N, C-alpha and C. Protein backbone atom coordinates (compact mmCIF):
# COMPACT_ATOMS: atom_id res chain seq x y z
N MET A 1 91.75 -25.30 -21.12
CA MET A 1 90.55 -26.03 -20.84
C MET A 1 90.25 -25.98 -19.36
N PRO A 2 89.07 -25.42 -18.94
CA PRO A 2 88.77 -25.27 -17.52
C PRO A 2 88.63 -26.64 -16.85
N ARG A 3 88.98 -26.61 -15.63
CA ARG A 3 88.93 -27.88 -14.85
C ARG A 3 87.52 -28.05 -14.23
N ARG A 4 87.07 -29.28 -14.32
CA ARG A 4 85.76 -29.59 -13.66
C ARG A 4 85.99 -29.71 -12.15
N PRO A 5 85.03 -29.18 -11.38
CA PRO A 5 85.21 -29.32 -9.92
C PRO A 5 85.12 -30.78 -9.57
N SER A 6 85.85 -31.09 -8.49
CA SER A 6 85.91 -32.47 -8.06
C SER A 6 84.54 -32.93 -7.57
N LYS A 7 84.38 -34.26 -7.49
CA LYS A 7 83.17 -34.83 -7.07
C LYS A 7 82.81 -34.38 -5.63
N ARG A 8 83.83 -34.28 -4.77
CA ARG A 8 83.67 -33.93 -3.37
C ARG A 8 83.18 -32.51 -3.27
N ARG A 9 83.70 -31.58 -4.11
CA ARG A 9 83.20 -30.21 -4.02
C ARG A 9 81.75 -30.08 -4.47
N ARG A 10 81.38 -30.87 -5.55
CA ARG A 10 80.01 -30.84 -6.04
C ARG A 10 79.04 -31.29 -4.94
N ILE A 11 79.43 -32.29 -4.20
CA ILE A 11 78.57 -32.80 -3.12
C ILE A 11 78.42 -31.78 -2.02
N LEU A 12 79.52 -31.06 -1.67
CA LEU A 12 79.45 -30.07 -0.61
C LEU A 12 78.58 -28.91 -1.02
N ALA A 13 78.63 -28.57 -2.30
CA ALA A 13 77.82 -27.45 -2.81
C ALA A 13 76.35 -27.76 -2.73
N VAL A 14 75.99 -28.97 -3.14
CA VAL A 14 74.59 -29.41 -3.00
C VAL A 14 74.07 -29.41 -1.55
N VAL A 15 74.90 -29.91 -0.71
CA VAL A 15 74.50 -29.89 0.76
C VAL A 15 74.32 -28.43 1.24
N ALA A 16 75.19 -27.53 0.84
CA ALA A 16 75.09 -26.12 1.28
C ALA A 16 73.77 -25.53 0.77
N VAL A 17 73.41 -25.77 -0.49
CA VAL A 17 72.17 -25.21 -1.05
C VAL A 17 70.94 -25.77 -0.30
N ALA A 18 70.98 -27.04 0.02
CA ALA A 18 69.89 -27.68 0.74
C ALA A 18 69.70 -27.09 2.12
N VAL A 19 70.87 -26.76 2.78
CA VAL A 19 70.78 -26.17 4.10
C VAL A 19 70.15 -24.76 4.06
N VAL A 20 70.54 -23.95 3.03
CA VAL A 20 70.08 -22.63 2.85
C VAL A 20 68.53 -22.64 2.57
N LEU A 21 68.12 -23.51 1.68
CA LEU A 21 66.70 -23.63 1.34
C LEU A 21 65.83 -24.10 2.51
N GLY A 22 66.36 -24.92 3.32
CA GLY A 22 65.61 -25.48 4.43
C GLY A 22 65.64 -24.65 5.67
N ALA A 23 66.38 -23.55 5.71
CA ALA A 23 66.50 -22.72 6.88
C ALA A 23 65.47 -21.59 6.85
N ARG A 24 64.16 -21.93 6.76
CA ARG A 24 63.05 -20.88 6.78
C ARG A 24 62.69 -20.54 8.19
N PRO A 25 62.33 -19.27 8.38
CA PRO A 25 61.90 -18.89 9.73
C PRO A 25 60.51 -19.51 10.08
N ALA A 26 60.20 -19.75 11.31
CA ALA A 26 58.92 -20.31 11.73
C ALA A 26 57.89 -19.23 11.89
N TRP A 27 56.80 -19.29 11.07
CA TRP A 27 55.77 -18.30 11.13
C TRP A 27 54.62 -18.77 12.01
N ALA A 28 53.98 -17.86 12.74
CA ALA A 28 52.80 -18.18 13.58
C ALA A 28 51.58 -17.55 12.96
N TYR A 29 50.43 -18.26 13.09
CA TYR A 29 49.08 -17.70 12.66
C TYR A 29 48.46 -17.03 13.85
N TRP A 30 48.11 -15.72 13.67
CA TRP A 30 47.46 -14.98 14.73
C TRP A 30 45.95 -14.95 14.46
N THR A 31 45.19 -15.03 15.50
CA THR A 31 43.72 -14.93 15.35
C THR A 31 43.21 -13.92 16.40
N ALA A 32 42.05 -13.28 16.03
CA ALA A 32 41.38 -12.37 16.99
C ALA A 32 39.91 -12.43 16.77
N GLN A 33 39.13 -12.20 17.75
CA GLN A 33 37.64 -12.16 17.61
C GLN A 33 37.06 -11.03 18.43
N GLN A 34 35.89 -10.60 18.01
CA GLN A 34 35.19 -9.52 18.68
C GLN A 34 33.69 -9.85 18.69
N THR A 35 33.10 -9.72 19.86
CA THR A 35 31.62 -9.96 19.96
C THR A 35 30.95 -8.58 19.98
N MET A 36 30.02 -8.42 19.02
CA MET A 36 29.29 -7.16 18.92
C MET A 36 28.16 -7.11 19.95
N PRO A 37 27.83 -5.94 20.45
CA PRO A 37 26.70 -5.83 21.39
C PRO A 37 25.44 -6.17 20.67
N SER A 38 24.39 -6.54 21.38
CA SER A 38 23.08 -6.88 20.77
C SER A 38 22.50 -5.71 20.08
N GLN A 39 21.73 -5.96 18.99
CA GLN A 39 21.12 -4.95 18.20
C GLN A 39 19.61 -5.09 18.29
N THR A 40 18.91 -3.98 18.28
CA THR A 40 17.44 -3.96 18.27
C THR A 40 16.95 -3.74 16.85
N ILE A 41 16.02 -4.58 16.40
CA ILE A 41 15.48 -4.47 15.08
C ILE A 41 14.03 -4.00 15.24
N ASP A 42 13.70 -2.86 14.65
CA ASP A 42 12.34 -2.32 14.70
C ASP A 42 11.59 -2.63 13.40
N LEU A 43 10.41 -3.18 13.50
CA LEU A 43 9.60 -3.45 12.29
C LEU A 43 8.57 -2.39 12.13
N GLY A 44 8.37 -2.02 10.86
CA GLY A 44 7.38 -1.00 10.60
C GLY A 44 5.94 -1.54 10.62
N THR A 45 4.99 -0.68 10.56
CA THR A 45 3.57 -1.13 10.56
C THR A 45 2.81 -0.29 9.52
N ILE A 46 1.72 -0.96 8.97
CA ILE A 46 0.77 -0.19 8.17
C ILE A 46 -0.54 -0.23 8.91
N ASP A 47 -1.15 0.93 8.97
CA ASP A 47 -2.41 1.06 9.71
C ASP A 47 -3.18 2.15 9.04
N ILE A 48 -4.30 1.74 8.37
CA ILE A 48 -5.19 2.69 7.64
C ILE A 48 -6.36 3.04 8.48
N SER A 49 -6.72 4.30 8.55
CA SER A 49 -7.92 4.73 9.26
C SER A 49 -8.71 5.62 8.35
N ALA A 50 -10.04 5.60 8.48
CA ALA A 50 -10.92 6.39 7.67
C ALA A 50 -12.00 7.07 8.57
N SER A 51 -12.35 8.27 8.24
CA SER A 51 -13.38 8.98 8.98
C SER A 51 -14.30 9.71 7.99
N ARG A 52 -15.55 9.87 8.37
CA ARG A 52 -16.48 10.56 7.55
C ARG A 52 -16.49 12.03 7.89
N SER A 53 -16.43 12.85 6.90
CA SER A 53 -16.31 14.32 7.11
C SER A 53 -17.49 15.13 6.57
N ALA A 54 -18.57 14.43 6.27
CA ALA A 54 -19.80 15.18 5.91
C ALA A 54 -20.83 14.95 6.99
N THR A 55 -21.73 15.87 7.15
CA THR A 55 -22.72 15.81 8.28
C THR A 55 -23.94 14.98 7.90
N VAL A 56 -24.41 14.94 6.70
CA VAL A 56 -25.60 14.20 6.32
C VAL A 56 -25.24 12.75 5.87
N GLY A 57 -24.35 12.65 4.96
CA GLY A 57 -23.84 11.36 4.50
C GLY A 57 -24.84 10.62 3.59
N LEU A 58 -24.60 9.28 3.56
CA LEU A 58 -25.40 8.44 2.63
C LEU A 58 -26.64 7.97 3.27
N ASP A 59 -27.53 8.92 3.60
CA ASP A 59 -28.79 8.58 4.23
C ASP A 59 -29.84 8.36 3.12
N THR A 60 -30.14 7.09 2.84
CA THR A 60 -31.04 6.76 1.72
C THR A 60 -32.50 7.02 1.98
N THR A 61 -32.86 7.36 3.23
CA THR A 61 -34.29 7.67 3.58
C THR A 61 -34.65 8.98 2.90
N ALA A 62 -33.63 9.80 2.53
CA ALA A 62 -33.93 11.10 1.89
C ALA A 62 -34.03 11.00 0.37
N LEU A 63 -33.85 9.83 -0.15
CA LEU A 63 -33.82 9.63 -1.62
C LEU A 63 -35.20 9.53 -2.25
N TYR A 64 -35.23 10.07 -3.47
CA TYR A 64 -36.41 9.84 -4.34
C TYR A 64 -35.89 9.88 -5.78
N PRO A 65 -36.63 9.41 -6.77
CA PRO A 65 -36.11 9.39 -8.14
C PRO A 65 -35.56 10.70 -8.58
N GLY A 66 -34.30 10.72 -8.99
CA GLY A 66 -33.60 11.96 -9.39
C GLY A 66 -32.77 12.60 -8.29
N ALA A 67 -32.87 12.11 -7.07
CA ALA A 67 -32.15 12.73 -5.99
C ALA A 67 -30.84 11.99 -5.74
N SER A 68 -29.94 12.61 -4.95
CA SER A 68 -28.70 11.98 -4.65
C SER A 68 -28.19 12.39 -3.27
N VAL A 69 -27.42 11.54 -2.63
CA VAL A 69 -26.78 11.86 -1.33
C VAL A 69 -25.28 11.60 -1.56
N ALA A 70 -24.49 12.23 -0.71
CA ALA A 70 -22.99 12.11 -0.85
C ALA A 70 -22.32 12.16 0.49
N GLN A 71 -21.12 11.54 0.52
CA GLN A 71 -20.34 11.45 1.76
C GLN A 71 -18.85 11.58 1.38
N VAL A 72 -18.11 12.41 2.13
CA VAL A 72 -16.63 12.49 1.98
C VAL A 72 -15.96 11.63 3.06
N TYR A 73 -15.00 10.90 2.66
CA TYR A 73 -14.20 10.09 3.62
C TYR A 73 -12.79 10.53 3.56
N GLN A 74 -12.24 10.77 4.72
CA GLN A 74 -10.78 11.09 4.84
C GLN A 74 -10.03 9.84 5.23
N VAL A 75 -9.00 9.48 4.44
CA VAL A 75 -8.24 8.30 4.64
C VAL A 75 -6.84 8.70 5.16
N THR A 76 -6.44 8.15 6.32
CA THR A 76 -5.17 8.58 6.93
C THR A 76 -4.32 7.34 7.18
N ASN A 77 -3.00 7.53 7.02
CA ASN A 77 -2.02 6.48 7.35
C ASN A 77 -1.63 6.65 8.77
N ALA A 78 -2.06 5.73 9.64
CA ALA A 78 -1.72 5.80 11.07
C ALA A 78 -0.54 4.92 11.39
N GLY A 79 0.08 4.32 10.41
CA GLY A 79 1.23 3.47 10.70
C GLY A 79 2.55 4.14 10.43
N THR A 80 3.64 3.41 10.28
CA THR A 80 4.96 3.96 10.11
C THR A 80 5.52 3.74 8.73
N LEU A 81 4.84 3.00 7.86
CA LEU A 81 5.30 2.72 6.50
C LEU A 81 4.31 3.35 5.49
N PRO A 82 4.82 3.76 4.36
CA PRO A 82 3.93 4.31 3.31
C PRO A 82 2.97 3.22 2.80
N LEU A 83 1.76 3.54 2.51
CA LEU A 83 0.82 2.59 2.01
C LEU A 83 -0.01 3.21 0.83
N SER A 84 -0.55 2.33 0.03
CA SER A 84 -1.52 2.69 -0.99
C SER A 84 -2.83 1.99 -0.59
N TYR A 85 -3.90 2.43 -1.20
CA TYR A 85 -5.20 1.80 -0.80
C TYR A 85 -6.18 1.84 -1.96
N TYR A 86 -7.22 1.01 -1.79
CA TYR A 86 -8.37 1.11 -2.69
C TYR A 86 -9.60 0.99 -1.82
N ALA A 87 -10.80 1.33 -2.39
CA ALA A 87 -12.04 1.35 -1.67
C ALA A 87 -12.96 0.30 -2.31
N GLU A 88 -13.65 -0.40 -1.39
CA GLU A 88 -14.66 -1.36 -1.83
C GLU A 88 -16.01 -0.93 -1.36
N GLY A 89 -17.09 -1.27 -2.04
CA GLY A 89 -18.44 -0.87 -1.57
C GLY A 89 -19.52 -1.90 -1.87
N TRP A 90 -20.51 -1.89 -1.01
CA TRP A 90 -21.68 -2.70 -1.28
C TRP A 90 -22.86 -2.02 -0.66
N ALA A 91 -24.07 -2.22 -1.15
CA ALA A 91 -25.29 -1.62 -0.62
C ALA A 91 -26.39 -2.67 -0.52
N SER A 92 -27.05 -2.68 0.58
CA SER A 92 -28.00 -3.78 0.89
C SER A 92 -29.36 -3.54 0.22
N GLY A 93 -30.03 -4.66 -0.02
CA GLY A 93 -31.42 -4.70 -0.42
C GLY A 93 -31.65 -4.26 -1.89
N ALA A 94 -32.94 -4.23 -2.23
CA ALA A 94 -33.38 -3.87 -3.61
C ALA A 94 -33.02 -2.41 -3.89
N LEU A 95 -33.15 -1.55 -2.91
CA LEU A 95 -32.81 -0.13 -3.10
C LEU A 95 -31.33 -0.04 -3.43
N GLY A 96 -30.49 -0.76 -2.65
CA GLY A 96 -29.05 -0.76 -2.91
C GLY A 96 -28.69 -1.17 -4.28
N ALA A 97 -29.40 -2.17 -4.81
CA ALA A 97 -29.10 -2.62 -6.15
C ALA A 97 -29.46 -1.58 -7.20
N ALA A 98 -30.44 -0.70 -6.89
CA ALA A 98 -30.92 0.32 -7.82
C ALA A 98 -30.05 1.60 -7.82
N LEU A 99 -29.21 1.77 -6.79
CA LEU A 99 -28.47 2.99 -6.67
C LEU A 99 -27.38 3.09 -7.75
N VAL A 100 -27.19 4.33 -8.20
CA VAL A 100 -26.07 4.63 -9.10
C VAL A 100 -24.99 5.25 -8.29
N ILE A 101 -23.77 4.76 -8.39
CA ILE A 101 -22.68 5.22 -7.51
C ILE A 101 -21.65 6.00 -8.35
N LYS A 102 -21.15 7.05 -7.76
CA LYS A 102 -20.11 7.88 -8.39
C LYS A 102 -19.06 8.13 -7.31
N VAL A 103 -17.79 8.02 -7.64
CA VAL A 103 -16.71 8.25 -6.70
C VAL A 103 -15.72 9.24 -7.28
N THR A 104 -15.38 10.28 -6.52
CA THR A 104 -14.46 11.31 -7.03
C THR A 104 -13.39 11.62 -6.01
N ASP A 105 -12.51 12.53 -6.33
CA ASP A 105 -11.42 12.91 -5.43
C ASP A 105 -11.78 14.20 -4.64
N ALA A 106 -13.04 14.58 -4.66
CA ALA A 106 -13.43 15.83 -3.98
C ALA A 106 -13.17 15.78 -2.48
N GLY A 107 -12.87 16.95 -1.95
CA GLY A 107 -12.61 17.00 -0.50
C GLY A 107 -13.83 17.53 0.27
N ALA A 108 -14.89 17.86 -0.44
CA ALA A 108 -16.08 18.36 0.22
C ALA A 108 -17.32 18.06 -0.64
N VAL A 109 -18.42 17.88 -0.03
CA VAL A 109 -19.70 17.62 -0.69
C VAL A 109 -20.28 18.96 -1.24
N THR A 110 -20.79 18.85 -2.48
CA THR A 110 -21.50 20.01 -3.09
C THR A 110 -22.99 19.86 -2.79
N GLY A 111 -23.65 20.93 -2.28
CA GLY A 111 -25.06 20.86 -2.04
C GLY A 111 -25.31 20.12 -0.68
N SER A 112 -26.51 19.81 -0.43
CA SER A 112 -26.87 19.15 0.87
C SER A 112 -28.13 18.33 0.66
N GLY A 113 -28.44 17.56 1.72
CA GLY A 113 -29.68 16.73 1.72
C GLY A 113 -29.76 15.85 0.52
N ALA A 114 -30.91 15.86 -0.13
CA ALA A 114 -31.16 15.00 -1.33
C ALA A 114 -30.62 15.60 -2.61
N SER A 115 -29.90 16.68 -2.49
CA SER A 115 -29.24 17.34 -3.62
C SER A 115 -27.72 17.39 -3.46
N ALA A 116 -27.19 16.52 -2.60
CA ALA A 116 -25.76 16.45 -2.36
C ALA A 116 -25.12 15.69 -3.51
N THR A 117 -23.95 16.20 -3.99
CA THR A 117 -23.22 15.60 -5.00
C THR A 117 -21.73 15.70 -4.76
N CYS A 118 -20.99 14.92 -5.56
CA CYS A 118 -19.50 14.96 -5.45
C CYS A 118 -18.96 15.59 -6.71
N GLY A 119 -18.19 16.67 -6.51
CA GLY A 119 -17.51 17.34 -7.62
C GLY A 119 -16.18 16.64 -7.83
N GLY A 120 -15.22 17.35 -8.44
CA GLY A 120 -13.88 16.84 -8.60
C GLY A 120 -13.78 15.81 -9.74
N THR A 121 -12.63 15.13 -9.78
CA THR A 121 -12.36 14.15 -10.84
C THR A 121 -12.84 12.77 -10.44
N GLN A 122 -13.62 12.20 -11.41
CA GLN A 122 -14.11 10.84 -11.11
C GLN A 122 -12.97 9.83 -11.12
N LEU A 123 -13.01 8.92 -10.10
CA LEU A 123 -11.93 7.96 -9.93
C LEU A 123 -12.26 6.66 -10.59
N VAL A 124 -11.20 5.95 -11.00
CA VAL A 124 -11.35 4.61 -11.60
C VAL A 124 -11.38 3.60 -10.47
N PRO A 125 -12.24 2.59 -10.53
CA PRO A 125 -13.20 2.37 -11.58
C PRO A 125 -14.51 3.10 -11.40
N SER A 126 -14.81 3.71 -10.24
CA SER A 126 -16.03 4.43 -10.00
C SER A 126 -17.23 3.66 -10.50
N ALA A 127 -17.48 2.51 -9.88
CA ALA A 127 -18.55 1.60 -10.33
C ALA A 127 -19.89 2.33 -10.36
N SER A 128 -20.64 2.05 -11.43
CA SER A 128 -21.94 2.68 -11.56
C SER A 128 -22.98 2.02 -10.60
N THR A 129 -22.74 0.75 -10.33
CA THR A 129 -23.59 0.04 -9.41
C THR A 129 -22.69 -0.73 -8.38
N MET A 130 -23.24 -1.11 -7.28
CA MET A 130 -22.50 -1.86 -6.29
C MET A 130 -23.24 -3.16 -5.96
N PRO A 131 -22.48 -4.23 -5.65
CA PRO A 131 -23.17 -5.44 -5.25
C PRO A 131 -23.86 -5.28 -3.90
N THR A 132 -24.74 -6.19 -3.59
CA THR A 132 -25.56 -6.03 -2.40
C THR A 132 -25.02 -6.89 -1.21
N VAL A 133 -23.85 -7.56 -1.38
CA VAL A 133 -23.28 -8.39 -0.28
C VAL A 133 -21.87 -8.00 -0.09
N SER A 134 -21.40 -8.16 1.18
CA SER A 134 -20.00 -7.96 1.51
C SER A 134 -19.13 -9.06 0.91
N PRO A 135 -17.88 -8.81 0.51
CA PRO A 135 -17.14 -7.52 0.67
C PRO A 135 -17.31 -6.52 -0.48
N GLY A 136 -18.25 -6.77 -1.30
CA GLY A 136 -18.41 -5.83 -2.40
C GLY A 136 -17.43 -5.91 -3.51
N SER A 137 -17.26 -4.81 -4.21
CA SER A 137 -16.37 -4.77 -5.30
C SER A 137 -15.60 -3.45 -5.28
N PRO A 138 -14.41 -3.28 -5.88
CA PRO A 138 -13.70 -2.06 -5.86
C PRO A 138 -14.48 -0.94 -6.50
N ILE A 139 -14.49 0.21 -5.85
CA ILE A 139 -15.20 1.36 -6.42
C ILE A 139 -14.24 2.55 -6.66
N ALA A 140 -13.01 2.45 -6.17
CA ALA A 140 -12.02 3.50 -6.41
C ALA A 140 -10.64 3.02 -6.25
N TYR A 141 -9.76 3.39 -7.17
CA TYR A 141 -8.32 3.14 -7.19
C TYR A 141 -7.86 1.76 -7.53
N ALA A 142 -8.79 0.82 -7.56
CA ALA A 142 -8.37 -0.56 -7.92
C ALA A 142 -8.31 -0.71 -9.45
N SER A 143 -7.27 -1.36 -9.93
CA SER A 143 -7.14 -1.55 -11.38
C SER A 143 -6.37 -2.86 -11.65
N ALA A 144 -6.38 -3.28 -12.88
CA ALA A 144 -5.64 -4.46 -13.25
C ALA A 144 -4.12 -4.31 -13.21
N SER A 145 -3.71 -3.06 -13.31
CA SER A 145 -2.27 -2.75 -13.33
C SER A 145 -1.70 -2.84 -11.93
N ALA A 146 -0.41 -3.09 -11.74
CA ALA A 146 0.22 -3.21 -10.48
C ALA A 146 0.18 -1.84 -9.77
N GLY A 147 0.07 -1.90 -8.43
CA GLY A 147 0.09 -0.68 -7.65
C GLY A 147 -1.28 0.03 -7.52
N ARG A 148 -1.29 1.06 -6.78
CA ARG A 148 -2.50 1.84 -6.55
C ARG A 148 -2.28 3.24 -7.01
N SER A 149 -3.35 4.03 -7.06
CA SER A 149 -3.24 5.37 -7.64
C SER A 149 -2.83 6.35 -6.58
N VAL A 150 -2.88 6.05 -5.31
CA VAL A 150 -2.56 7.03 -4.32
C VAL A 150 -1.64 6.40 -3.24
N THR A 151 -0.58 7.18 -2.91
CA THR A 151 0.30 6.74 -1.78
C THR A 151 0.02 7.65 -0.63
N VAL A 152 -0.22 7.08 0.50
CA VAL A 152 -0.46 7.82 1.75
C VAL A 152 0.72 7.56 2.68
N TRP A 153 1.38 8.64 3.10
CA TRP A 153 2.62 8.53 3.85
C TRP A 153 2.32 8.63 5.34
N PRO A 154 3.16 8.02 6.20
CA PRO A 154 2.99 8.15 7.61
C PRO A 154 3.27 9.55 8.16
N ALA A 155 2.85 9.85 9.34
CA ALA A 155 3.11 11.16 9.94
C ALA A 155 4.62 11.44 9.92
N GLY A 156 4.98 12.69 9.49
CA GLY A 156 6.38 13.05 9.47
C GLY A 156 7.02 12.70 8.11
N GLY A 157 6.35 11.94 7.24
CA GLY A 157 6.88 11.60 5.92
C GLY A 157 6.44 12.63 4.92
N PRO A 158 6.80 12.37 3.65
CA PRO A 158 6.34 13.28 2.59
C PRO A 158 4.81 13.40 2.56
N THR A 159 4.29 14.46 2.00
CA THR A 159 2.83 14.63 1.94
C THR A 159 2.35 13.77 0.78
N PRO A 160 1.11 13.33 0.77
CA PRO A 160 0.14 13.60 1.81
C PRO A 160 0.15 12.55 2.89
N ALA A 161 -0.19 12.87 4.09
CA ALA A 161 -0.40 11.95 5.19
C ALA A 161 -1.82 11.46 5.22
N SER A 162 -2.66 12.16 4.44
CA SER A 162 -4.03 11.73 4.35
C SER A 162 -4.62 12.16 3.00
N THR A 163 -5.73 11.60 2.61
CA THR A 163 -6.35 11.97 1.33
C THR A 163 -7.84 11.76 1.48
N THR A 164 -8.59 12.25 0.51
CA THR A 164 -10.06 12.14 0.62
C THR A 164 -10.70 11.55 -0.65
N ILE A 165 -11.79 10.88 -0.50
CA ILE A 165 -12.61 10.51 -1.66
C ILE A 165 -14.05 10.83 -1.28
N CYS A 166 -14.81 11.09 -2.29
CA CYS A 166 -16.23 11.46 -2.17
C CYS A 166 -17.08 10.40 -2.85
N VAL A 167 -18.04 9.81 -2.15
CA VAL A 167 -18.93 8.81 -2.67
C VAL A 167 -20.36 9.39 -2.82
N GLN A 168 -20.88 9.32 -3.98
CA GLN A 168 -22.24 9.82 -4.27
C GLN A 168 -23.14 8.65 -4.69
N ALA A 169 -24.31 8.59 -4.08
CA ALA A 169 -25.33 7.58 -4.42
C ALA A 169 -26.59 8.29 -4.91
N SER A 170 -27.00 7.93 -6.08
CA SER A 170 -28.14 8.57 -6.70
C SER A 170 -29.19 7.53 -7.03
N LEU A 171 -30.42 7.98 -7.04
CA LEU A 171 -31.57 7.14 -7.41
C LEU A 171 -32.01 7.63 -8.80
N PRO A 172 -31.94 6.87 -9.86
CA PRO A 172 -32.27 7.36 -11.17
C PRO A 172 -33.77 7.67 -11.23
N THR A 173 -34.13 8.50 -12.19
CA THR A 173 -35.54 8.88 -12.42
C THR A 173 -36.40 7.70 -12.85
N SER A 174 -35.70 6.62 -13.35
CA SER A 174 -36.42 5.45 -13.80
C SER A 174 -36.62 4.43 -12.72
N ALA A 175 -36.35 4.79 -11.47
CA ALA A 175 -36.49 3.81 -10.34
C ALA A 175 -37.86 3.31 -10.23
N ALA A 176 -38.01 2.05 -9.88
CA ALA A 176 -39.34 1.43 -9.79
C ALA A 176 -40.12 1.97 -8.61
N SER A 177 -41.39 2.11 -8.79
CA SER A 177 -42.31 2.60 -7.69
C SER A 177 -42.25 1.68 -6.44
N ALA A 178 -41.90 0.42 -6.65
CA ALA A 178 -41.86 -0.55 -5.59
C ALA A 178 -40.75 -0.23 -4.55
N LEU A 179 -39.80 0.64 -4.97
CA LEU A 179 -38.77 1.01 -4.04
C LEU A 179 -39.17 2.10 -3.01
N GLN A 180 -40.36 2.63 -3.15
CA GLN A 180 -40.82 3.66 -2.23
C GLN A 180 -40.81 3.15 -0.76
N GLY A 181 -40.27 3.95 0.11
CA GLY A 181 -40.29 3.62 1.49
C GLY A 181 -39.21 2.67 1.95
N GLN A 182 -38.43 2.13 1.01
CA GLN A 182 -37.30 1.20 1.33
C GLN A 182 -36.09 1.98 1.71
N THR A 183 -35.20 1.29 2.45
CA THR A 183 -33.89 1.83 2.83
C THR A 183 -32.79 0.86 2.45
N SER A 184 -31.64 1.41 2.39
CA SER A 184 -30.41 0.57 2.07
C SER A 184 -29.29 1.09 2.91
N SER A 185 -28.45 0.10 3.32
CA SER A 185 -27.23 0.42 4.05
C SER A 185 -26.09 0.42 3.02
N VAL A 186 -25.50 1.62 2.82
CA VAL A 186 -24.32 1.74 1.90
C VAL A 186 -23.03 1.62 2.66
N ASN A 187 -22.22 0.66 2.34
CA ASN A 187 -21.01 0.36 3.05
C ASN A 187 -19.78 0.61 2.23
N ILE A 188 -18.78 1.25 2.86
CA ILE A 188 -17.50 1.55 2.15
C ILE A 188 -16.40 0.97 3.03
N ARG A 189 -15.51 0.22 2.41
CA ARG A 189 -14.38 -0.36 3.14
C ARG A 189 -13.09 0.06 2.45
N PHE A 190 -12.08 0.43 3.20
CA PHE A 190 -10.79 0.86 2.68
C PHE A 190 -9.73 -0.25 2.97
N VAL A 191 -9.03 -0.64 1.92
CA VAL A 191 -8.04 -1.72 2.03
C VAL A 191 -6.65 -1.10 1.75
N GLY A 192 -5.76 -1.16 2.80
CA GLY A 192 -4.45 -0.63 2.62
C GLY A 192 -3.42 -1.66 2.26
N GLU A 193 -2.42 -1.30 1.53
CA GLU A 193 -1.37 -2.22 1.08
C GLU A 193 0.02 -1.53 1.18
N GLN A 194 1.03 -2.19 1.71
CA GLN A 194 2.37 -1.63 1.81
C GLN A 194 2.88 -1.27 0.43
N VAL A 195 3.44 -0.08 0.32
CA VAL A 195 4.01 0.39 -0.98
C VAL A 195 5.26 -0.40 -1.23
N GLY A 196 5.42 -0.91 -2.47
CA GLY A 196 6.65 -1.55 -2.84
C GLY A 196 6.78 -2.97 -2.38
N GLN A 197 5.73 -3.59 -1.91
CA GLN A 197 5.88 -4.97 -1.45
C GLN A 197 6.00 -5.84 -2.68
N PRO A 198 6.70 -7.02 -2.50
CA PRO A 198 6.92 -7.88 -3.68
C PRO A 198 5.65 -8.45 -4.21
């Protein structure tokens, strides 16, 4: 029958274990920090510009029932961010209210003078009439769906950096005789919007 260790030996063994468990090395926490140099943050810009590229344009003094005038506008992105746009229009006076408007993607006017027209594909909504007060209503590229139909890129970006629309104003053959000798100012405004904005 094995002998049980004496009480004194058991006490010594417990003390030895306690000494071993308590003899941990002392650890230090090291820290370091680094200051980064200042950074420059550049913000992009959107800048839409438009120019007329036809020589006669929307001169309503040349109109008579059945005649039409037309004007091409070149829209350019002069900023650094891609943008989309839509066009608004309004025409002043009684003659302006009688005009029939057509908007297309043509890059040049067909014909000249009171026989000038816009070829190409008709754009949505291509309003048949325009209001007579500013800011008017959308006549091209505006729709109920999100986004616009055309993206115009900044210089150095993907094409196109510019695009064109053609606006045609006609006086129908049914125009009232009271419109003789009247003039109207036809106004087109282009509204740009950053692509992908929330």
